[in-house]
């Protein structure tokens, strides 16, 4: 039996969810087992998700499911705006560090701000978050050690 993995974009999820459900039904009809379903923010995240999924011995092949509607979003421009936004915040001292993890599908931005509300405002003003290209969550933390 062939074992599949599905990588499904959350962008245009009203459409990709239906695609995912139909793909699962068709796999069952063909006698193929779906071993794993991974959701990613958008199609730019497919390559890393596929690479990581294919490292697993129980996955024989991976199907990607996404929907890009022409002219609706220019992801590359939004990601560039996101980076410029973070650079400006870094120059003001509010972003301590920012980057993307190499083996998982998300990044980390560490802020130094006065309040949770200020952090939330920064998070919601990010161009990629506003455009629903990136998803953001806030996890407050306190510094235990830092360089002198």
N, C-alpha and C. Protein backbone atom coordinates (compact mmCIF):
# COMPACT_ATOMS: atom_id res chain seq x y z
N UNK A 1 0.85 -1.19 0.00
CA UNK A 1 0.00 0.00 0.00
C UNK A 1 0.88 1.24 0.00
N UNK A 2 0.47 2.24 -0.75
CA UNK A 2 1.17 3.51 -0.80
C UNK A 2 0.68 4.39 0.34
N UNK A 3 1.62 5.04 1.03
CA UNK A 3 1.29 5.94 2.12
C UNK A 3 1.59 7.38 1.71
N UNK A 4 0.57 8.22 1.82
CA UNK A 4 0.70 9.62 1.41
C UNK A 4 0.77 10.56 2.60
N UNK A 5 1.39 11.71 2.33
CA UNK A 5 1.30 12.85 3.22
C UNK A 5 0.68 13.98 2.42
N UNK A 6 -0.15 14.78 3.06
CA UNK A 6 -0.74 15.95 2.41
C UNK A 6 -0.20 17.20 3.09
N UNK A 7 0.17 18.18 2.29
CA UNK A 7 0.53 19.51 2.80
C UNK A 7 -0.50 20.46 2.22
N UNK A 8 -1.24 21.12 3.11
CA UNK A 8 -2.37 21.95 2.69
C UNK A 8 -2.17 23.39 3.15
N UNK A 9 -2.30 24.31 2.22
CA UNK A 9 -2.17 25.73 2.52
C UNK A 9 -3.39 26.24 3.27
N UNK A 10 -3.15 27.07 4.29
CA UNK A 10 -4.25 27.70 5.01
C UNK A 10 -4.72 28.98 4.31
N UNK A 11 -3.92 29.48 3.37
CA UNK A 11 -4.33 30.66 2.62
C UNK A 11 -5.45 30.23 1.67
N UNK A 12 -6.52 30.98 1.62
CA UNK A 12 -7.75 30.61 0.89
C UNK A 12 -8.30 29.28 1.41
N UNK A 13 -8.29 29.15 2.74
CA UNK A 13 -8.64 27.88 3.37
C UNK A 13 -10.06 27.43 3.08
N UNK A 14 -10.96 28.37 2.80
CA UNK A 14 -12.32 27.96 2.44
C UNK A 14 -12.29 27.06 1.20
N UNK A 15 -11.33 27.29 0.31
CA UNK A 15 -11.18 26.45 -0.88
C UNK A 15 -10.28 25.25 -0.64
N UNK A 16 -9.13 25.48 0.02
CA UNK A 16 -8.19 24.38 0.21
C UNK A 16 -8.73 23.32 1.16
N UNK A 17 -9.59 23.71 2.10
CA UNK A 17 -10.20 22.72 2.97
C UNK A 17 -11.05 21.74 2.16
N UNK A 18 -11.84 22.28 1.22
CA UNK A 18 -12.65 21.40 0.36
C UNK A 18 -11.74 20.52 -0.50
N UNK A 19 -10.64 21.08 -0.99
CA UNK A 19 -9.69 20.29 -1.79
C UNK A 19 -9.12 19.16 -0.95
N UNK A 20 -8.77 19.46 0.30
CA UNK A 20 -8.20 18.46 1.20
C UNK A 20 -9.20 17.33 1.45
N UNK A 21 -10.43 17.67 1.74
CA UNK A 21 -11.44 16.64 2.00
C UNK A 21 -11.68 15.76 0.78
N UNK A 22 -11.73 16.37 -0.40
CA UNK A 22 -11.91 15.59 -1.64
C UNK A 22 -10.70 14.69 -1.89
N UNK A 23 -9.50 15.21 -1.61
CA UNK A 23 -8.28 14.42 -1.81
C UNK A 23 -8.26 13.22 -0.87
N UNK A 24 -8.69 13.41 0.37
CA UNK A 24 -8.75 12.29 1.32
C UNK A 24 -9.73 11.22 0.82
N UNK A 25 -10.89 11.67 0.35
CA UNK A 25 -11.89 10.73 -0.18
C UNK A 25 -11.34 9.96 -1.37
N UNK A 26 -10.65 10.67 -2.26
CA UNK A 26 -10.12 10.01 -3.46
C UNK A 26 -9.00 9.04 -3.10
N UNK A 27 -8.18 9.40 -2.15
CA UNK A 27 -7.12 8.48 -1.69
C UNK A 27 -7.75 7.20 -1.16
N UNK A 28 -8.80 7.33 -0.37
CA UNK A 28 -9.49 6.16 0.17
C UNK A 28 -10.06 5.31 -0.96
N UNK A 29 -10.67 5.96 -1.95
CA UNK A 29 -11.22 5.26 -3.11
C UNK A 29 -10.14 4.47 -3.84
N UNK A 30 -8.92 5.04 -3.93
CA UNK A 30 -7.81 4.37 -4.62
C UNK A 30 -7.10 3.32 -3.76
N UNK A 31 -7.49 3.23 -2.50
CA UNK A 31 -6.84 2.27 -1.61
C UNK A 31 -5.49 2.77 -1.11
N UNK A 32 -5.32 4.08 -1.06
CA UNK A 32 -4.08 4.69 -0.59
C UNK A 32 -4.33 5.25 0.80
N UNK A 33 -3.36 5.07 1.69
CA UNK A 33 -3.53 5.56 3.05
C UNK A 33 -2.89 6.94 3.22
N UNK A 34 -3.64 7.85 3.84
CA UNK A 34 -3.10 9.17 4.18
C UNK A 34 -2.56 9.08 5.60
N UNK A 35 -1.22 9.16 5.71
CA UNK A 35 -0.55 9.00 7.00
C UNK A 35 -0.45 10.30 7.78
N UNK A 36 -0.37 11.43 7.06
CA UNK A 36 -0.18 12.70 7.76
C UNK A 36 -0.74 13.84 6.94
N UNK A 37 -1.32 14.83 7.62
CA UNK A 37 -1.77 16.07 7.00
C UNK A 37 -1.10 17.21 7.75
N UNK A 38 -0.39 18.04 7.02
CA UNK A 38 0.30 19.20 7.59
C UNK A 38 -0.29 20.45 6.97
N UNK A 39 -0.69 21.39 7.81
CA UNK A 39 -1.20 22.67 7.33
C UNK A 39 -0.08 23.70 7.42
N UNK A 40 0.06 24.50 6.37
CA UNK A 40 1.08 25.54 6.32
C UNK A 40 0.41 26.86 5.96
N UNK A 41 1.04 27.99 6.30
CA UNK A 41 0.40 29.28 6.02
C UNK A 41 0.09 29.51 4.54
N UNK A 42 1.02 29.20 3.65
CA UNK A 42 0.80 29.46 2.23
C UNK A 42 1.71 28.61 1.37
N UNK A 43 1.60 28.79 0.07
CA UNK A 43 2.35 27.94 -0.87
C UNK A 43 3.87 28.14 -0.77
N UNK A 44 4.33 29.29 -0.29
CA UNK A 44 5.76 29.49 -0.10
C UNK A 44 6.33 28.51 0.93
N UNK A 45 5.47 27.97 1.78
CA UNK A 45 5.90 27.05 2.83
C UNK A 45 5.89 25.59 2.41
N UNK A 46 5.42 25.30 1.19
CA UNK A 46 5.37 23.92 0.71
C UNK A 46 6.73 23.22 0.70
N UNK A 47 7.77 23.80 0.12
CA UNK A 47 9.02 23.05 -0.03
C UNK A 47 9.58 22.50 1.28
N UNK A 48 9.62 23.32 2.32
CA UNK A 48 10.16 22.85 3.59
C UNK A 48 9.27 21.78 4.22
N UNK A 49 7.96 21.97 4.13
CA UNK A 49 7.03 20.97 4.68
C UNK A 49 7.16 19.64 3.95
N UNK A 50 7.27 19.69 2.63
CA UNK A 50 7.43 18.46 1.84
C UNK A 50 8.76 17.78 2.20
N UNK A 51 9.82 18.57 2.26
CA UNK A 51 11.15 18.02 2.61
C UNK A 51 11.11 17.30 3.95
N UNK A 52 10.51 17.94 4.95
CA UNK A 52 10.45 17.33 6.28
C UNK A 52 9.56 16.10 6.31
N UNK A 53 8.47 16.13 5.55
CA UNK A 53 7.57 14.98 5.52
C UNK A 53 8.23 13.78 4.84
N UNK A 54 8.98 14.03 3.78
CA UNK A 54 9.61 12.93 3.05
C UNK A 54 10.77 12.29 3.82
N UNK A 55 11.21 12.92 4.88
CA UNK A 55 12.24 12.32 5.74
C UNK A 55 11.68 11.15 6.54
N UNK A 56 10.38 11.07 6.64
CA UNK A 56 9.72 10.03 7.45
C UNK A 56 9.59 8.76 6.63
N UNK A 57 10.00 7.65 7.20
CA UNK A 57 10.01 6.38 6.47
C UNK A 57 8.60 5.90 6.10
N UNK A 58 7.59 6.33 6.84
CA UNK A 58 6.23 5.86 6.55
C UNK A 58 5.54 6.66 5.44
N UNK A 59 6.19 7.68 4.90
CA UNK A 59 5.61 8.49 3.83
C UNK A 59 6.29 8.13 2.50
N UNK A 60 5.49 7.70 1.53
CA UNK A 60 6.03 7.36 0.20
C UNK A 60 5.99 8.53 -0.77
N UNK A 61 4.98 9.37 -0.63
CA UNK A 61 4.81 10.50 -1.54
C UNK A 61 4.01 11.59 -0.83
N UNK A 62 4.16 12.82 -1.34
CA UNK A 62 3.48 13.96 -0.72
C UNK A 62 2.65 14.69 -1.78
N UNK A 63 1.44 15.07 -1.39
CA UNK A 63 0.55 15.85 -2.24
C UNK A 63 0.44 17.24 -1.62
N UNK A 64 0.62 18.29 -2.44
CA UNK A 64 0.42 19.65 -1.94
C UNK A 64 -0.90 20.19 -2.46
N UNK A 65 -1.59 20.90 -1.58
CA UNK A 65 -2.90 21.46 -1.91
C UNK A 65 -2.90 22.95 -1.57
N UNK A 66 -3.06 23.75 -2.60
CA UNK A 66 -3.09 25.19 -2.39
C UNK A 66 -3.91 25.86 -3.48
N UNK A 67 -4.23 27.11 -3.23
CA UNK A 67 -5.05 27.86 -4.18
C UNK A 67 -4.55 29.30 -4.22
N UNK A 68 -3.95 29.66 -5.34
CA UNK A 68 -3.50 31.04 -5.53
C UNK A 68 -4.43 31.68 -6.54
N UNK A 69 -5.07 32.75 -6.13
CA UNK A 69 -5.99 33.47 -7.01
C UNK A 69 -5.23 34.64 -7.61
N UNK A 70 -5.09 34.65 -8.90
CA UNK A 70 -4.28 35.65 -9.59
C UNK A 70 -4.70 37.06 -9.22
N UNK A 71 -3.69 37.85 -8.86
CA UNK A 71 -3.90 39.25 -8.57
C UNK A 71 -4.39 39.55 -7.18
N UNK A 72 -4.74 38.54 -6.39
CA UNK A 72 -5.29 38.81 -5.07
C UNK A 72 -4.22 39.25 -4.08
N UNK A 73 -3.09 38.56 -4.04
CA UNK A 73 -2.04 38.89 -3.09
C UNK A 73 -0.68 38.72 -3.75
N UNK A 74 0.19 39.65 -3.51
CA UNK A 74 1.57 39.55 -3.99
C UNK A 74 2.43 39.19 -2.79
N UNK A 75 2.53 37.88 -2.54
CA UNK A 75 3.21 37.40 -1.34
C UNK A 75 4.63 37.95 -1.21
N UNK A 76 5.36 37.97 -2.31
CA UNK A 76 6.74 38.42 -2.22
C UNK A 76 6.82 39.86 -1.75
N UNK A 77 5.91 40.70 -2.19
CA UNK A 77 5.89 42.10 -1.77
C UNK A 77 5.50 42.22 -0.30
N UNK A 78 4.56 41.41 0.14
CA UNK A 78 4.12 41.45 1.53
C UNK A 78 5.22 40.97 2.46
N UNK A 79 5.93 39.91 2.07
CA UNK A 79 7.04 39.42 2.89
C UNK A 79 8.13 40.49 2.97
N UNK A 80 8.40 41.19 1.86
CA UNK A 80 9.38 42.27 1.88
C UNK A 80 8.92 43.39 2.81
N UNK A 81 7.63 43.73 2.79
CA UNK A 81 7.10 44.75 3.70
C UNK A 81 7.23 44.31 5.15
N UNK A 82 6.99 43.03 5.40
CA UNK A 82 7.15 42.45 6.74
C UNK A 82 8.58 42.66 7.23
N UNK A 83 9.54 42.34 6.37
CA UNK A 83 10.95 42.47 6.75
C UNK A 83 11.32 43.93 7.01
N UNK A 84 10.84 44.83 6.18
CA UNK A 84 11.11 46.27 6.37
C UNK A 84 10.49 46.76 7.68
N UNK A 85 9.30 46.28 7.98
CA UNK A 85 8.62 46.63 9.23
C UNK A 85 9.48 46.19 10.42
N UNK A 86 10.00 44.97 10.38
CA UNK A 86 10.83 44.47 11.47
C UNK A 86 12.15 45.23 11.57
N UNK A 87 12.73 45.59 10.42
CA UNK A 87 13.98 46.36 10.43
C UNK A 87 13.78 47.71 11.11
N UNK A 88 12.67 48.38 10.81
CA UNK A 88 12.38 49.67 11.45
C UNK A 88 12.21 49.51 12.96
N UNK A 89 11.50 48.47 13.36
CA UNK A 89 11.32 48.21 14.80
C UNK A 89 12.65 47.86 15.46
N UNK A 90 13.52 47.19 14.74
CA UNK A 90 14.85 46.86 15.26
C UNK A 90 15.66 48.13 15.50
N UNK A 91 15.55 49.07 14.57
CA UNK A 91 16.28 50.34 14.70
C UNK A 91 15.80 51.15 15.90
N UNK A 92 14.55 50.99 16.29
CA UNK A 92 14.03 51.71 17.47
C UNK A 92 14.31 50.96 18.76
N UNK A 93 14.85 49.74 18.66
CA UNK A 93 15.17 48.95 19.84
C UNK A 93 14.03 48.07 20.33
N UNK A 94 12.92 48.05 19.60
CA UNK A 94 11.78 47.24 20.04
C UNK A 94 11.91 45.77 19.62
N UNK A 95 12.57 45.51 18.50
CA UNK A 95 12.83 44.13 18.09
C UNK A 95 14.24 43.77 18.54
N UNK A 96 14.32 42.80 19.44
CA UNK A 96 15.62 42.34 19.93
C UNK A 96 16.29 41.43 18.90
N UNK A 97 15.48 40.56 18.31
CA UNK A 97 15.96 39.66 17.25
C UNK A 97 14.77 39.10 16.52
N UNK A 98 15.01 38.68 15.28
CA UNK A 98 13.95 38.09 14.46
C UNK A 98 14.58 37.14 13.46
N UNK A 99 13.89 36.07 13.15
CA UNK A 99 14.39 35.13 12.16
C UNK A 99 13.45 33.97 11.99
N UNK A 100 13.79 33.15 11.00
CA UNK A 100 12.99 31.97 10.68
C UNK A 100 13.77 30.73 11.07
N UNK A 101 13.08 29.77 11.66
CA UNK A 101 13.71 28.50 11.99
C UNK A 101 14.01 27.74 10.69
N UNK A 102 15.04 26.92 10.70
CA UNK A 102 15.44 26.24 9.47
C UNK A 102 14.66 24.96 9.20
N UNK A 103 14.17 24.28 10.22
CA UNK A 103 13.52 22.99 10.00
C UNK A 103 12.04 22.95 10.37
N UNK A 104 11.48 24.08 10.74
CA UNK A 104 10.05 24.16 11.02
C UNK A 104 9.48 25.36 10.27
N UNK A 105 8.17 25.42 10.20
CA UNK A 105 7.53 26.40 9.32
C UNK A 105 7.12 27.68 10.01
N UNK A 106 7.96 28.19 10.87
CA UNK A 106 7.62 29.47 11.48
C UNK A 106 8.89 30.19 11.91
N UNK A 107 8.69 31.45 12.23
CA UNK A 107 9.79 32.27 12.70
C UNK A 107 9.51 32.77 14.10
N UNK A 108 10.45 33.55 14.60
CA UNK A 108 10.35 34.09 15.95
C UNK A 108 10.78 35.54 15.93
N UNK A 109 9.99 36.39 16.55
CA UNK A 109 10.35 37.79 16.74
C UNK A 109 10.32 38.06 18.24
N UNK A 110 11.43 38.53 18.77
CA UNK A 110 11.51 38.84 20.20
C UNK A 110 11.47 40.35 20.36
N UNK A 111 10.46 40.81 21.08
CA UNK A 111 10.25 42.24 21.29
C UNK A 111 10.68 42.64 22.69
N UNK A 112 11.10 43.88 22.82
CA UNK A 112 11.31 44.49 24.13
C UNK A 112 10.43 45.73 24.18
N UNK A 113 9.30 45.60 24.87
CA UNK A 113 8.31 46.66 24.92
C UNK A 113 7.84 46.83 26.36
N UNK A 114 7.07 47.88 26.58
CA UNK A 114 6.61 48.21 27.93
C UNK A 114 5.40 47.40 28.39
N UNK A 115 4.60 46.91 27.45
CA UNK A 115 3.36 46.24 27.86
C UNK A 115 2.94 45.18 26.84
N UNK A 116 2.05 44.30 27.30
CA UNK A 116 1.46 43.30 26.41
C UNK A 116 0.68 43.98 25.30
N UNK A 117 -0.01 45.06 25.63
CA UNK A 117 -0.80 45.79 24.64
C UNK A 117 0.08 46.35 23.52
N UNK A 118 1.26 46.86 23.89
CA UNK A 118 2.18 47.38 22.88
C UNK A 118 2.67 46.25 21.98
N UNK A 119 2.95 45.10 22.56
CA UNK A 119 3.38 43.94 21.76
C UNK A 119 2.28 43.50 20.81
N UNK A 120 1.05 43.46 21.30
CA UNK A 120 -0.09 43.09 20.44
C UNK A 120 -0.29 44.07 19.30
N UNK A 121 -0.12 45.36 19.60
CA UNK A 121 -0.25 46.38 18.56
C UNK A 121 0.80 46.18 17.48
N UNK A 122 2.03 45.95 17.90
CA UNK A 122 3.12 45.71 16.93
C UNK A 122 2.80 44.49 16.08
N UNK A 123 2.34 43.43 16.74
CA UNK A 123 2.03 42.18 16.04
C UNK A 123 0.93 42.40 15.01
N UNK A 124 -0.12 43.10 15.38
CA UNK A 124 -1.26 43.30 14.48
C UNK A 124 -0.98 44.33 13.38
N UNK A 125 0.04 45.17 13.56
CA UNK A 125 0.41 46.14 12.53
C UNK A 125 1.35 45.57 11.49
N UNK A 126 1.85 44.37 11.70
CA UNK A 126 2.76 43.74 10.75
C UNK A 126 2.03 43.55 9.42
N UNK A 127 2.62 44.03 8.31
CA UNK A 127 1.94 43.91 7.01
C UNK A 127 1.57 42.47 6.63
N UNK A 128 2.41 41.51 6.95
CA UNK A 128 2.13 40.11 6.59
C UNK A 128 1.02 39.53 7.45
N UNK A 129 0.92 39.96 8.68
CA UNK A 129 -0.17 39.51 9.55
C UNK A 129 -1.48 40.14 9.09
N UNK A 130 -1.44 41.44 8.78
CA UNK A 130 -2.64 42.14 8.31
C UNK A 130 -3.18 41.52 7.02
N UNK A 131 -2.27 41.05 6.15
CA UNK A 131 -2.68 40.47 4.87
C UNK A 131 -2.99 38.98 4.97
N UNK A 132 -2.91 38.42 6.17
CA UNK A 132 -3.14 36.98 6.41
C UNK A 132 -2.16 36.09 5.66
N UNK A 133 -0.98 36.61 5.39
CA UNK A 133 0.07 35.78 4.80
C UNK A 133 0.82 35.06 5.92
N UNK A 134 1.00 35.73 7.06
CA UNK A 134 1.61 35.12 8.25
C UNK A 134 0.58 35.15 9.36
N UNK A 135 0.69 34.16 10.24
CA UNK A 135 -0.14 34.08 11.42
C UNK A 135 0.76 34.39 12.62
N UNK A 136 0.29 35.19 13.55
CA UNK A 136 1.11 35.56 14.69
C UNK A 136 0.42 35.20 16.00
N UNK A 137 1.22 34.77 16.95
CA UNK A 137 0.75 34.51 18.31
C UNK A 137 1.71 35.20 19.26
N UNK A 138 1.18 35.65 20.38
CA UNK A 138 1.98 36.34 21.38
C UNK A 138 2.19 35.43 22.58
N UNK A 139 3.44 35.26 22.97
CA UNK A 139 3.80 34.48 24.15
C UNK A 139 4.66 35.35 25.05
N UNK A 140 4.07 36.00 26.05
CA UNK A 140 4.87 36.83 26.94
C UNK A 140 5.91 36.00 27.69
N UNK A 141 7.08 36.61 27.92
CA UNK A 141 8.14 35.94 28.66
C UNK A 141 9.00 36.99 29.34
N UNK A 142 9.77 36.53 30.31
CA UNK A 142 10.67 37.41 31.02
C UNK A 142 12.11 36.94 30.79
N UNK A 143 12.99 37.89 30.64
CA UNK A 143 14.41 37.58 30.44
C UNK A 143 15.01 37.10 31.75
N UNK A 144 15.71 35.96 31.69
CA UNK A 144 16.41 35.45 32.87
C UNK A 144 17.89 35.83 32.82
N UNK A 145 18.46 35.80 31.63
CA UNK A 145 19.87 36.17 31.46
C UNK A 145 20.00 37.00 30.20
N UNK A 146 20.91 37.94 30.22
CA UNK A 146 21.22 38.71 29.02
C UNK A 146 22.65 39.20 29.11
N UNK A 147 23.28 39.49 27.97
CA UNK A 147 24.66 39.96 27.99
C UNK A 147 24.77 41.28 28.76
N UNK A 148 25.92 41.48 29.37
CA UNK A 148 26.14 42.73 30.12
C UNK A 148 26.45 43.88 29.22
